[in-house]
Protein backbone atom coordinates (compact mmCIF):
# COMPACT_ATOMS: atom_id res chain seq x y z
CA MET A 1 -71.86 57.90 26.09
CA ASP A 2 -73.39 55.30 28.45
CA ASN A 3 -71.52 53.90 31.42
CA LEU A 4 -70.50 50.65 29.71
CA ALA A 5 -69.01 52.50 26.73
CA GLN A 6 -67.08 54.79 29.12
CA ILE A 7 -65.72 51.82 31.05
CA ILE A 8 -64.60 50.15 27.81
CA LEU A 9 -62.92 53.42 26.74
CA LEU A 10 -61.18 53.68 30.13
CA LEU A 11 -59.90 50.10 29.98
CA GLY A 12 -58.76 50.46 26.36
CA VAL A 13 -56.75 53.62 27.04
CA ALA A 14 -55.32 52.10 30.24
CA VAL A 15 -54.16 48.93 28.47
CA ALA A 16 -52.55 50.88 25.62
CA ILE A 17 -50.67 53.24 27.93
CA MET A 18 -49.60 50.56 30.39
CA VAL A 19 -48.13 48.42 27.59
CA GLY A 20 -46.01 51.37 26.45
CA PHE A 21 -44.98 52.31 29.99
CA GLN A 22 -43.93 48.75 30.86
CA ARG A 23 -41.81 48.53 27.72
CA LEU A 24 -40.09 51.77 28.74
CA HIS A 25 -39.77 50.57 32.37
CA ILE A 26 -41.73 53.58 33.65
CA PRO A 27 -43.61 53.10 36.97
CA SER A 28 -47.22 52.05 36.45
CA SER A 29 -48.53 54.73 38.81
CA LEU A 30 -47.39 57.42 36.35
CA GLY A 31 -49.17 55.54 33.58
CA TYR A 32 -52.47 55.56 35.43
CA LEU A 33 -52.04 59.26 36.17
CA LEU A 34 -51.64 59.87 32.43
CA VAL A 35 -54.81 57.86 31.73
CA GLY A 36 -56.71 60.09 34.16
CA LEU A 37 -55.26 63.22 32.57
CA ILE A 38 -56.29 62.10 29.06
CA LEU A 39 -59.82 61.09 30.06
CA GLY A 40 -60.34 63.83 32.63
CA PRO A 41 -62.63 66.86 32.30
CA HIS A 42 -59.74 69.29 31.82
CA THR A 43 -58.43 67.96 28.49
CA VAL A 44 -59.77 67.89 24.93
CA GLY A 45 -61.39 64.63 23.86
CA PRO A 46 -63.69 62.05 25.44
CA THR A 47 -64.33 62.34 29.17
CA VAL A 48 -65.10 59.42 31.45
CA HIS A 49 -67.76 60.29 33.99
CA VAL A 50 -69.15 57.25 35.81
CA PRO A 51 -71.01 58.17 39.05
CA GLU A 52 -69.61 55.13 40.90
CA PHE A 53 -66.04 55.78 39.76
CA LYS A 54 -65.05 57.92 42.74
CA VAL A 55 -66.31 55.30 45.19
CA LEU A 56 -64.36 52.52 43.46
CA ALA A 57 -61.24 54.70 43.40
CA GLU A 58 -61.55 55.32 47.14
CA PHE A 59 -61.58 51.57 47.71
CA GLY A 60 -58.20 51.47 45.97
CA VAL A 61 -56.75 53.44 48.88
CA VAL A 62 -58.59 51.16 51.32
CA PHE A 63 -57.01 48.02 49.89
CA LEU A 64 -53.59 49.69 49.62
CA LEU A 65 -53.67 50.59 53.31
CA PHE A 66 -54.92 47.11 54.20
CA SER A 67 -51.93 45.56 52.39
CA ILE A 68 -49.57 47.90 54.23
CA GLY A 69 -51.17 46.94 57.53
CA LEU A 70 -50.54 43.25 56.74
CA ASN A 71 -46.80 43.96 56.60
CA TYR A 72 -46.74 45.87 59.89
CA SER A 73 -48.37 43.82 62.60
CA LEU A 74 -47.94 44.94 66.20
CA PRO A 75 -45.11 42.45 66.95
CA GLN A 76 -43.27 43.61 63.82
CA LEU A 77 -43.66 47.26 64.81
CA HIS A 78 -42.27 46.42 68.23
CA ALA A 79 -39.30 44.59 66.69
CA MET A 80 -38.58 47.56 64.40
CA ARG A 81 -38.88 50.15 67.14
CA HIS A 82 -35.19 51.10 67.08
CA GLN A 83 -33.73 51.87 63.65
CA ILE A 84 -36.60 51.89 61.14
CA LEU A 85 -39.23 53.10 63.62
CA GLY A 86 -37.03 55.95 64.78
CA LEU A 87 -35.76 56.97 61.35
CA GLY A 88 -39.15 56.64 59.66
CA THR A 89 -40.97 58.62 62.32
CA ALA A 90 -38.26 61.30 62.42
CA GLN A 91 -38.32 61.71 58.64
CA VAL A 92 -42.11 62.16 58.48
CA VAL A 93 -42.33 64.46 61.50
CA LEU A 94 -39.35 66.66 60.59
CA THR A 95 -40.32 66.97 56.91
CA THR A 96 -43.93 67.80 57.76
CA ALA A 97 -42.88 70.37 60.35
CA THR A 98 -40.18 71.98 58.18
CA VAL A 99 -42.37 72.33 55.10
CA ALA A 100 -45.38 73.48 57.16
CA VAL A 101 -43.40 76.20 58.94
CA LEU A 102 -41.84 77.49 55.72
CA LEU A 103 -45.20 77.62 53.93
CA TRP A 104 -46.87 79.23 56.93
CA LEU A 105 -44.17 81.93 56.98
CA ALA A 106 -44.77 82.36 53.22
CA GLY A 107 -48.42 83.21 53.86
CA LEU A 108 -50.39 79.96 53.76
CA SER A 109 -52.89 79.21 56.48
CA ALA A 110 -51.69 76.90 59.23
CA VAL A 111 -54.09 74.13 58.14
CA ALA A 112 -53.07 74.28 54.45
CA ALA A 113 -49.38 74.43 55.37
CA PHE A 114 -49.76 71.36 57.61
CA VAL A 115 -51.59 69.37 54.90
CA VAL A 116 -48.99 70.19 52.24
CA GLY A 117 -46.20 69.29 54.68
CA ALA A 118 -47.83 65.91 55.32
CA VAL A 119 -48.25 65.33 51.58
CA PHE A 120 -44.62 66.25 50.83
CA ALA A 121 -43.33 63.95 53.60
CA GLN A 122 -44.45 60.82 51.70
CA SER A 123 -42.25 58.83 49.28
CA SER A 124 -43.26 56.35 46.59
CA SER A 125 -42.50 52.78 47.67
CA THR A 126 -43.60 51.63 44.21
CA ILE A 127 -41.14 53.83 42.30
CA ILE A 128 -38.28 53.23 44.75
CA GLY A 129 -38.75 49.45 44.84
CA ARG A 130 -39.08 49.06 41.08
CA GLN A 131 -36.14 51.30 40.22
CA LEU A 132 -33.87 49.62 42.76
CA ALA A 133 -34.79 46.17 41.46
CA GLU A 134 -34.06 47.20 37.87
CA GLN A 135 -30.70 48.68 38.92
CA GLY A 136 -29.75 45.71 41.08
CA GLU A 137 -29.62 47.86 44.23
CA ASP A 138 -32.53 46.38 46.14
CA ASN A 139 -30.20 44.39 48.43
CA THR A 140 -27.70 47.19 49.06
CA PRO A 141 -27.59 48.91 52.47
CA HIS A 142 -28.97 52.19 51.11
CA GLY A 143 -31.55 50.35 49.02
CA ARG A 144 -32.92 48.29 51.90
CA LEU A 145 -32.96 51.24 54.29
CA GLY A 146 -34.56 53.63 51.78
CA LEU A 147 -37.29 51.15 50.84
CA ALA A 148 -37.96 50.25 54.49
CA ILE A 149 -38.36 53.91 55.47
CA SER A 150 -40.60 54.62 52.47
CA VAL A 151 -42.91 51.74 53.39
CA PHE A 152 -42.87 52.67 57.07
CA GLN A 153 -43.86 56.24 56.17
CA ASP A 154 -47.31 54.92 55.39
CA VAL A 155 -47.63 53.59 58.93
CA THR A 156 -46.40 56.78 60.58
CA ALA A 157 -48.79 58.74 58.35
CA VAL A 158 -51.85 56.89 59.67
CA PRO A 159 -52.53 59.65 62.26
CA PHE A 160 -52.96 62.03 59.31
CA LEU A 161 -55.99 59.95 58.30
CA VAL A 162 -57.53 60.96 61.61
CA VAL A 163 -56.35 64.58 61.80
CA ILE A 164 -56.83 65.91 58.25
CA PRO A 165 -60.62 65.40 57.96
CA VAL A 166 -61.04 67.22 61.28
CA LEU A 167 -59.07 70.22 60.03
CA GLY A 168 -61.66 70.82 57.31
CA VAL A 169 -64.57 71.31 59.73
CA ALA A 170 -62.99 72.91 62.80
CA ILE A 171 -63.22 76.67 63.31
CA GLY A 172 -61.01 78.33 65.90
CA MET A 173 -58.38 76.87 68.17
CA ASP A 174 -60.81 75.82 70.91
CA GLN A 175 -63.02 73.92 68.51
CA LEU A 176 -59.97 72.51 66.71
CA ALA A 177 -58.54 71.15 69.95
CA GLY A 178 -61.91 69.69 70.87
CA GLU A 179 -62.43 68.08 67.47
CA LEU A 180 -58.92 66.63 67.45
CA GLY A 181 -59.36 65.25 70.95
CA TRP A 182 -62.69 63.70 70.01
CA ALA A 183 -61.19 62.28 66.78
CA MET A 184 -58.29 60.72 68.67
CA ALA A 185 -60.70 59.24 71.20
CA LYS A 186 -62.71 57.69 68.36
CA ALA A 187 -59.47 56.41 66.81
CA VAL A 188 -58.60 54.68 70.10
CA LEU A 189 -62.12 53.23 70.23
CA ALA A 190 -61.83 51.99 66.63
CA PHE A 191 -58.46 50.42 67.39
CA ALA A 192 -59.90 48.67 70.44
CA LEU A 193 -62.92 47.38 68.49
CA VAL A 194 -60.82 46.03 65.61
CA PHE A 195 -58.11 44.71 67.94
CA TYR A 196 -60.45 42.71 70.16
CA ALA A 197 -62.55 41.59 67.21
CA ALA A 198 -59.39 40.24 65.62
CA ARG A 199 -58.29 38.50 68.83
CA TRP A 200 -61.65 36.87 69.46
CA ALA A 201 -63.13 36.40 66.01
CA LEU A 202 -60.74 36.74 63.06
CA ARG A 203 -58.39 33.83 63.73
CA PRO A 204 -61.22 31.34 64.50
CA LEU A 205 -63.15 32.67 61.50
CA PHE A 206 -60.27 32.14 59.10
CA HIS A 207 -59.54 28.71 60.60
CA MET A 208 -63.13 27.73 59.85
CA ILE A 209 -62.97 29.18 56.32
CA ALA A 210 -59.59 27.55 55.58
CA GLU A 211 -61.00 24.15 56.54
CA ARG A 212 -63.50 24.48 53.66
CA ARG A 213 -60.52 24.63 51.23
CA SER A 214 -62.35 27.03 48.95
CA ALA A 215 -60.30 29.87 47.44
CA GLU A 216 -63.52 31.64 46.48
CA LEU A 217 -64.88 31.54 50.04
CA PHE A 218 -61.52 32.66 51.45
CA THR A 219 -61.44 35.69 49.13
CA LEU A 220 -65.01 36.62 50.01
CA THR A 221 -64.13 36.47 53.70
CA VAL A 222 -61.12 38.73 53.20
CA LEU A 223 -63.29 41.27 51.37
CA LEU A 224 -65.85 41.09 54.17
CA VAL A 225 -63.25 41.75 56.86
CA VAL A 226 -61.64 44.66 55.00
CA LEU A 227 -64.90 46.41 54.21
CA ALA A 228 -66.37 45.74 57.66
CA ALA A 229 -63.32 47.32 59.34
CA ALA A 230 -63.46 50.29 56.95
CA TRP A 231 -67.18 50.72 57.63
CA THR A 232 -66.55 50.63 61.40
CA THR A 233 -64.12 53.56 61.34
CA SER A 234 -66.25 55.43 58.79
CA SER A 235 -69.28 55.09 61.10
CA LEU A 236 -67.21 56.71 63.85
CA GLY A 237 -66.49 59.69 61.62
CA LEU A 238 -62.99 58.55 60.67
CA SER A 239 -61.69 57.57 57.23
CA LEU A 240 -62.31 54.23 55.54
CA ALA A 241 -58.56 53.78 55.08
CA PHE A 242 -57.91 53.93 58.84
CA GLY A 243 -60.08 50.89 59.45
CA ALA A 244 -58.38 49.03 56.62
CA VAL A 245 -54.95 49.64 58.19
CA LEU A 246 -56.13 48.32 61.54
CA ALA A 247 -57.63 45.19 59.98
CA GLY A 248 -54.41 44.55 58.06
CA MET A 249 -52.31 44.92 61.21
CA MET A 250 -54.48 42.42 63.06
CA LEU A 251 -54.46 39.84 60.25
CA GLY A 252 -50.71 40.38 59.85
CA GLU A 253 -50.24 38.56 63.18
CA THR A 254 -51.97 35.40 61.93
CA GLU A 255 -50.66 32.47 59.91
CA PHE A 256 -53.02 33.50 57.09
CA ARG A 257 -51.18 36.74 56.25
CA HIS A 258 -49.56 35.61 53.00
CA GLN A 259 -52.71 33.94 51.67
CA VAL A 260 -54.75 37.03 52.58
CA GLU A 261 -52.29 39.25 50.73
CA SER A 262 -52.40 36.96 47.70
CA SER A 263 -56.21 36.96 47.67
CA ILE A 264 -56.51 40.72 47.96
CA ARG A 265 -53.78 41.64 45.44
CA PRO A 266 -55.94 41.57 42.25
CA PHE A 267 -58.56 43.85 43.85
CA ARG A 268 -55.90 46.13 45.27
CA ASP A 269 -53.99 46.55 42.02
CA VAL A 270 -57.06 47.25 39.88
CA LEU A 271 -58.74 49.58 42.37
CA LEU A 272 -55.48 51.37 43.16
CA GLY A 273 -55.04 51.90 39.42
CA LEU A 274 -58.51 53.50 39.37
CA PHE A 275 -57.45 55.71 42.29
CA PHE A 276 -54.47 57.00 40.31
CA VAL A 277 -56.72 57.52 37.30
CA GLY A 278 -58.96 59.61 39.57
CA VAL A 279 -55.97 61.65 40.76
CA GLY A 280 -54.93 62.21 37.14
CA MET A 281 -58.41 63.58 36.41
CA LEU A 282 -57.81 66.27 39.03
CA VAL A 283 -54.85 67.66 37.06
CA ASP A 284 -55.84 70.74 35.08
CA PRO A 285 -53.28 71.42 32.30
CA ALA A 286 -54.91 74.80 31.63
CA SER A 287 -53.83 75.93 35.10
CA LEU A 288 -50.16 75.08 34.47
CA PRO A 289 -49.27 78.44 32.83
CA ARG A 290 -50.62 80.12 35.95
CA ILE A 291 -49.25 77.82 38.65
CA TRP A 292 -46.10 76.28 37.15
CA PRO A 293 -43.65 78.64 38.93
CA TRP A 294 -45.27 77.77 42.28
CA ALA A 295 -45.38 74.09 41.37
CA LEU A 296 -41.67 74.13 40.54
CA LEU A 297 -40.91 75.90 43.82
CA GLY A 298 -42.98 73.26 45.59
CA THR A 299 -41.03 70.52 43.83
CA VAL A 300 -37.71 72.06 44.88
CA LEU A 301 -38.98 72.43 48.46
CA LEU A 302 -40.16 68.80 48.50
CA LEU A 303 -36.90 67.39 47.12
CA LEU A 304 -34.45 69.54 49.08
CA SER A 305 -36.22 69.30 52.43
CA LYS A 306 -36.37 65.51 52.30
CA ILE A 307 -32.80 65.10 51.03
CA VAL A 308 -31.31 67.33 53.73
CA ILE A 309 -33.41 65.86 56.56
CA VAL A 310 -32.78 62.23 55.55
CA VAL A 311 -29.02 62.81 55.21
CA LEU A 312 -28.88 64.30 58.69
CA ILE A 313 -30.89 61.62 60.46
CA VAL A 314 -29.27 58.69 58.61
CA ARG A 315 -25.76 60.04 59.26
CA ARG A 316 -26.62 60.27 62.98
CA SER A 317 -27.64 56.60 62.89
CA GLY A 318 -24.05 55.67 61.97
CA MET A 319 -24.23 55.12 58.20
CA ASP A 320 -21.33 56.46 56.11
CA ALA A 321 -21.66 59.70 54.11
CA ILE A 322 -22.13 58.33 50.61
CA ALA A 323 -24.68 55.70 51.69
CA SER A 324 -26.57 58.42 53.59
CA TRP A 325 -26.74 60.61 50.48
CA ARG A 326 -27.83 57.67 48.36
CA THR A 327 -30.62 56.84 50.83
CA ALA A 328 -31.74 60.48 50.82
CA LEU A 329 -31.86 60.60 47.02
CA LEU A 330 -34.09 57.52 46.99
CA LEU A 331 -36.54 59.04 49.47
CA ALA A 332 -36.70 62.44 47.75
CA VAL A 333 -39.41 61.28 45.33
CA GLY A 334 -43.04 62.15 46.13
CA GLY A 335 -45.41 59.34 47.06
CA GLU A 336 -48.75 57.74 46.24
CA PHE A 337 -49.90 58.11 49.83
CA GLY A 338 -49.40 61.85 49.45
CA PHE A 339 -52.07 61.76 46.73
CA ALA A 340 -54.35 59.88 49.12
CA LEU A 341 -53.85 62.49 51.86
CA LEU A 342 -54.39 65.30 49.35
CA THR A 343 -57.63 63.73 48.13
CA ILE A 344 -58.88 63.34 51.71
CA ALA A 345 -57.97 66.98 52.45
CA LEU A 346 -59.79 68.25 49.34
CA ASP A 347 -62.90 66.19 50.16
CA ALA A 348 -62.87 67.56 53.72
CA SER A 349 -62.30 71.16 52.45
CA ALA A 350 -59.17 71.32 54.59
CA ILE A 351 -57.23 72.87 51.71
CA ASP A 352 -58.09 75.34 48.94
CA PRO A 353 -58.47 73.72 45.47
CA ASP A 354 -55.83 76.04 43.99
CA ILE A 355 -53.32 75.11 46.68
CA GLY A 356 -54.28 71.48 46.14
CA GLN A 357 -53.59 71.80 42.41
CA ILE A 358 -50.14 73.27 43.10
CA ALA A 359 -49.32 70.54 45.63
CA LEU A 360 -50.58 67.84 43.25
CA THR A 361 -48.46 69.17 40.38
CA ALA A 362 -45.41 69.50 42.64
CA VAL A 363 -45.69 65.84 43.69
CA LEU A 364 -46.06 64.80 40.04
CA PHE A 365 -42.94 66.79 39.08
CA SER A 366 -41.04 65.23 42.00
CA MET A 367 -41.98 61.74 40.80
CA ILE A 368 -40.54 62.46 37.37
CA ALA A 369 -37.38 64.01 38.85
CA GLY A 370 -37.20 61.27 41.48
CA VAL A 371 -36.84 58.54 38.86
CA LEU A 372 -33.69 60.28 37.60
CA LEU A 373 -32.35 60.85 41.12
CA ILE A 374 -32.76 57.15 41.93
CA ARG A 375 -31.24 56.03 38.63
CA PHE A 376 -28.11 58.16 39.09
CA ASN A 377 -28.00 58.09 42.89
CA HIS A 378 -24.42 56.78 43.06
CA ALA A 379 -22.97 59.41 40.72
CA ILE A 380 -24.86 62.24 42.43
CA ALA A 381 -24.01 61.02 45.94
CA SER A 382 -20.32 60.73 45.03
CA ARG A 383 -20.30 64.44 44.19
CA LEU A 384 -22.43 65.56 47.14
CA ALA A 385 -20.45 63.60 49.72
CA ARG A 386 -16.90 64.59 50.60
CA PRO A 387 -14.56 63.71 47.70
CA ASP A 388 -12.85 60.94 49.65
CA ALA A 389 -16.01 59.56 51.25
CA ALA A 390 -16.70 56.99 48.54
CA SER A 391 -13.24 55.52 48.32
CA ALA A 392 -11.81 56.04 51.82
CA PRO A 393 -13.13 52.77 53.26
CA LEU A 394 -11.75 50.88 50.24
CA VAL A 395 -8.34 52.32 49.36
CA GLU A 396 -6.82 51.75 52.79
CA PRO A 397 -7.43 47.97 52.99
CA LEU A 398 -6.55 47.56 49.32
CA ALA A 399 -3.29 49.42 49.70
CA GLY A 400 -1.69 46.61 51.66
CA LEU A 401 -2.74 43.84 49.29
CA PRO A 402 -0.83 42.62 46.22
CA ALA A 403 -2.53 42.98 42.86
CA PRO A 404 -5.02 40.07 42.76
CA GLN A 405 -5.16 37.64 39.86
CA VAL A 406 -8.96 37.60 39.92
CA LEU A 407 -11.62 40.20 40.75
CA ILE A 408 -15.02 38.91 41.90
CA GLY A 409 -18.07 41.15 41.69
CA GLY A 410 -20.55 39.91 44.30
CA TYR A 411 -20.07 37.59 47.28
CA GLY A 412 -23.40 35.79 47.34
CA ARG A 413 -23.91 32.07 46.90
CA VAL A 414 -22.07 31.91 43.56
CA GLY A 415 -19.31 34.34 44.55
CA HIS A 416 -18.62 32.38 47.74
CA THR A 417 -18.35 29.11 45.80
CA ILE A 418 -15.89 30.62 43.31
CA ALA A 419 -13.85 32.12 46.15
CA VAL A 420 -13.54 28.68 47.79
CA LEU A 421 -12.35 27.13 44.51
CA LEU A 422 -9.83 29.92 43.86
CA LYS A 423 -8.42 29.77 47.39
CA SER A 424 -8.11 25.97 47.19
CA SER A 425 -6.17 26.40 43.94
CA GLY A 426 -3.85 29.04 45.38
CA VAL A 427 -5.16 31.81 43.13
CA THR A 428 -5.10 35.29 44.65
CA PHE A 429 -8.36 37.22 44.41
CA VAL A 430 -10.42 40.00 45.94
CA ALA A 431 -14.21 40.09 46.06
CA PHE A 432 -16.47 43.15 46.34
CA ASP A 433 -20.05 43.38 47.55
CA THR A 434 -22.37 46.23 48.54
CA ASP A 435 -24.05 44.15 51.25
CA LEU A 436 -22.23 44.66 54.56
CA LYS A 437 -23.50 41.34 55.95
CA ARG A 438 -21.94 39.47 53.02
CA VAL A 439 -18.70 41.40 53.46
CA GLN A 440 -18.59 40.46 57.13
CA GLN A 441 -19.40 36.83 56.29
CA GLY A 442 -16.55 36.82 53.77
CA ARG A 443 -14.16 37.97 56.46
CA VAL A 444 -15.42 35.17 58.72
CA ASP A 445 -14.81 32.73 55.86
CA GLY A 446 -11.24 33.96 55.66
CA HIS A 447 -11.63 35.50 52.20
CA PRO A 448 -10.53 38.99 51.09
CA VAL A 449 -14.03 40.47 50.67
CA LEU A 450 -14.37 44.26 50.73
CA TYR A 451 -17.30 46.63 50.70
CA GLY A 452 -17.78 48.36 47.36
CA ASP A 453 -19.39 48.36 43.93
CA ILE A 454 -17.15 46.79 41.28
CA ALA A 455 -18.69 49.17 38.73
CA ASP A 456 -17.06 52.12 40.55
CA PRO A 457 -14.05 53.39 38.50
CA GLU A 458 -12.26 54.63 41.63
CA LEU A 459 -12.58 51.21 43.22
CA LEU A 460 -11.19 49.52 40.09
CA ALA A 461 -8.21 51.86 40.15
CA ALA A 462 -7.61 51.15 43.85
CA ALA A 463 -7.87 47.40 43.23
CA GLN A 464 -5.31 47.61 40.37
CA ALA A 465 -7.84 45.95 38.08
CA GLU A 466 -5.63 46.53 35.04
CA ARG A 467 -3.07 44.09 36.51
CA ALA A 468 -5.58 41.30 37.12
CA SER A 469 -5.88 38.23 34.88
CA LEU A 470 -9.65 37.76 35.09
CA ALA A 471 -12.84 39.37 36.38
CA ILE A 472 -15.86 37.27 37.39
CA ILE A 473 -19.28 38.94 37.77
CA THR A 474 -21.53 36.81 39.98
CA VAL A 475 -24.32 39.24 40.88
CA ASP A 476 -27.83 38.01 40.16
CA ALA A 477 -29.30 41.38 39.08
CA HIS A 478 -29.04 41.86 35.32
CA ALA A 479 -28.68 45.66 35.48
CA ALA A 480 -25.89 45.48 38.06
CA ALA A 481 -23.99 42.88 36.01
CA LEU A 482 -24.33 44.96 32.87
CA SER A 483 -23.09 48.07 34.70
CA ALA A 484 -20.07 46.16 36.09
CA ILE A 485 -19.09 44.73 32.68
CA SER A 486 -19.39 48.16 31.05
CA ALA A 487 -17.19 49.73 33.75
CA LEU A 488 -14.56 47.00 33.39
CA ARG A 489 -14.52 47.42 29.60
CA ARG A 490 -13.95 51.15 29.98
CA HIS A 491 -11.33 50.96 32.74
CA CYS A 492 -9.35 47.91 31.56
CA PRO A 493 -10.48 46.83 28.07
CA HIS A 494 -7.97 43.96 27.86
CA LEU A 495 -9.16 42.23 31.06
CA PRO A 496 -11.25 39.12 30.23
CA VAL A 497 -14.63 39.03 31.98
CA ILE A 498 -16.92 36.06 32.58
CA ALA A 499 -20.35 36.44 34.11
CA ARG A 500 -23.35 34.70 35.53
CA ALA A 501 -26.68 35.11 33.71
CA ARG A 502 -30.22 34.11 34.53
CA ASP A 503 -31.21 32.96 31.04
CA LEU A 504 -30.02 32.91 27.43
CA GLU A 505 -31.39 36.37 26.62
CA THR A 506 -29.50 37.90 29.55
CA SER A 507 -26.41 35.92 28.54
CA SER A 508 -26.49 37.39 25.03
CA ILE A 509 -26.84 40.93 26.38
CA LEU A 510 -23.87 40.49 28.75
CA VAL A 511 -21.72 38.99 25.99
CA ASN A 512 -22.59 41.89 23.69
CA ALA A 513 -21.60 44.26 26.50
CA GLY A 514 -18.10 42.74 26.60
CA ALA A 515 -18.16 39.50 28.62
CA ILE A 516 -16.14 36.60 27.16
CA HIS A 517 -18.65 34.12 28.52
CA ALA A 518 -21.97 34.56 30.35
CA TYR A 519 -23.34 31.27 31.58
CA PRO A 520 -27.17 31.03 31.72
CA GLU A 521 -27.98 29.33 35.01
CA ALA A 522 -31.31 27.81 33.95
CA ILE A 523 -29.84 26.05 30.90
CA GLU A 524 -26.61 25.04 32.66
CA ALA A 525 -28.61 23.46 35.48
CA SER A 526 -30.58 21.49 32.88
CA LEU A 527 -27.36 20.34 31.20
CA ARG A 528 -25.85 19.17 34.50
CA LEU A 529 -29.04 17.27 35.32
CA GLY A 530 -29.08 15.68 31.88
CA ALA A 531 -25.40 14.75 32.16
CA THR A 532 -26.00 13.04 35.49
CA ALA A 533 -28.89 11.11 33.96
CA LEU A 534 -26.70 9.95 31.05
CA ARG A 535 -23.92 8.82 33.40
CA MET A 536 -26.44 6.78 35.38
CA LEU A 537 -27.47 5.18 32.06
CA ASN A 538 -23.82 4.16 31.49
CA ILE A 539 -23.12 6.61 28.64
CA PRO A 540 -19.31 7.20 28.49
CA THR A 541 -18.20 10.33 30.33
CA ALA A 542 -16.05 11.45 27.36
CA ASP A 543 -19.11 11.36 25.08
CA ILE A 544 -21.16 13.34 27.57
CA ASP A 545 -18.47 16.00 27.96
CA LEU A 546 -18.13 16.29 24.19
CA MET A 547 -21.89 16.65 23.82
CA LEU A 548 -22.05 19.40 26.46
CA GLN A 549 -19.13 21.27 24.90
CA ASP A 550 -20.78 21.13 21.47
CA ILE A 551 -23.95 22.62 22.94
CA ARG A 552 -21.99 25.46 24.56
CA ASP A 553 -19.93 26.06 21.41
CA TRP A 554 -23.17 26.45 19.43
CA ASP A 555 -24.41 29.01 21.97
CA TYR A 556 -26.96 26.55 23.40
CA GLN A 557 -28.97 26.60 20.16
CA PRO A 558 -29.44 22.78 20.00
CA VAL A 559 -31.32 22.75 23.33
CA ILE A 560 -33.46 25.84 22.75
CA GLU A 561 -34.39 25.26 19.09
CA ASN A 562 -35.44 21.61 19.16
CA PRO A 563 -38.61 22.12 21.24
CA VAL A 564 -39.72 24.79 18.78
CA LYS A 565 -39.06 22.52 15.82
CA GLU A 566 -41.00 19.71 17.43
CA THR A 567 -43.94 22.05 18.02
CA ILE A 568 -43.90 23.17 14.38
CA LYS A 569 -43.96 19.57 13.19
């Protein structure tokens, strides 16, 4: 099969698998890994072998690290030096050291144990971010902290890009110390070159390019800068990815950061997909019968070490027990950057291929298990934390309050507006939110806003939800709203629930789940705009109100069907 036919086969299989994975809401990285497994040399069927494939896949890591560098410029790192910097660094260092020591005591060489420890210390920002967004937890305290630490891991892991290639060529402690010292010196030199080049040349260069107002020229310039920085560090004997990180950090300080990120995203996503395909090709299913017990042990070691370490360091930072456990469960999953470190280690012969296969399989297993841990993080954390940890902060303030007439789930923009209207009307209510800043703002506003998830059965019992007259779900995230309505239906089936929805499809789902009404914001905004227009055209207000009510009574069908009918005509 010629190269073009192999590329077409690769793209066809990738498209088919990614369509299925997106429908099932499975992270795309796992889909690309499956593509690599199917088309790899270790499985029955066609095999893709394009000589340039490995080079293209390596550029996927380069662009990934460049994008990460854009989000962590030097001023941002300085601003984050307290909480995220400390927690992120501690998590990577402690996990690497703990795993390395345990594996070294189990008989692995010091170099192999260190590499596996570094690989296990990484977490998947992609999986964590996507799962949290689907579950409506991306703005919760544990969600924000977990995602921030997972992204910052990539920055703290940059020294591994320098150290791991050296470990593959050094022999003996004296030579190892010398090679590491020389590598660190070259890393400092590379940083200085890229730093001063950015200060003197990059900003003026991009100003000149931006004045041409050519998106094509801007993209070409971004590619030039990324590859030039990668070539610089590679010429010094360091990795390509290290130069990409440095270039990203320098450009992250400029006003062009967002446009640079937008220009590079298509290249990054495609090439990173090829990188995962390449990792999938390394998986040998035939070796599973031989290595699966060790791979499972590795998975358990990866998950448990990270969970325990993250719980300890997050608890010491002042976060409550259940939020600490939830953060730890998010970060337990293995990460894409671990694959990158493992690939670099294998290329540098710093780790035995058999050990690499076990570590690779363990990370894959942890990704599968990690999706479940993230999805059920609240239920698991409630059992792992002390029995009263979840409800203690809530029951005490609720105990002194009368049973409210209305429960509000979410104190964002919509929840605040409803609270103002209820208070002005003399209606008693209590609002719940999982964002501490919103809770504090609610207290400043003089409203009874408490920290908690309205989908929590214990919280509903403490709030005497069964005695309320109405529940209003105002959260923007569809999954969180659906979870809250389902919990309310189970705990107090006779309590009427109204909800906010993004669109008509979401509205229908929430109504089917048990909401009396679920108002689609996009359509309601259009109706209010149209009503204002009609009033300005002197149409009687009573006629307008009747028209709007008819549209709502017919489930908005008149306004969503007419455009289709007009198109058909």
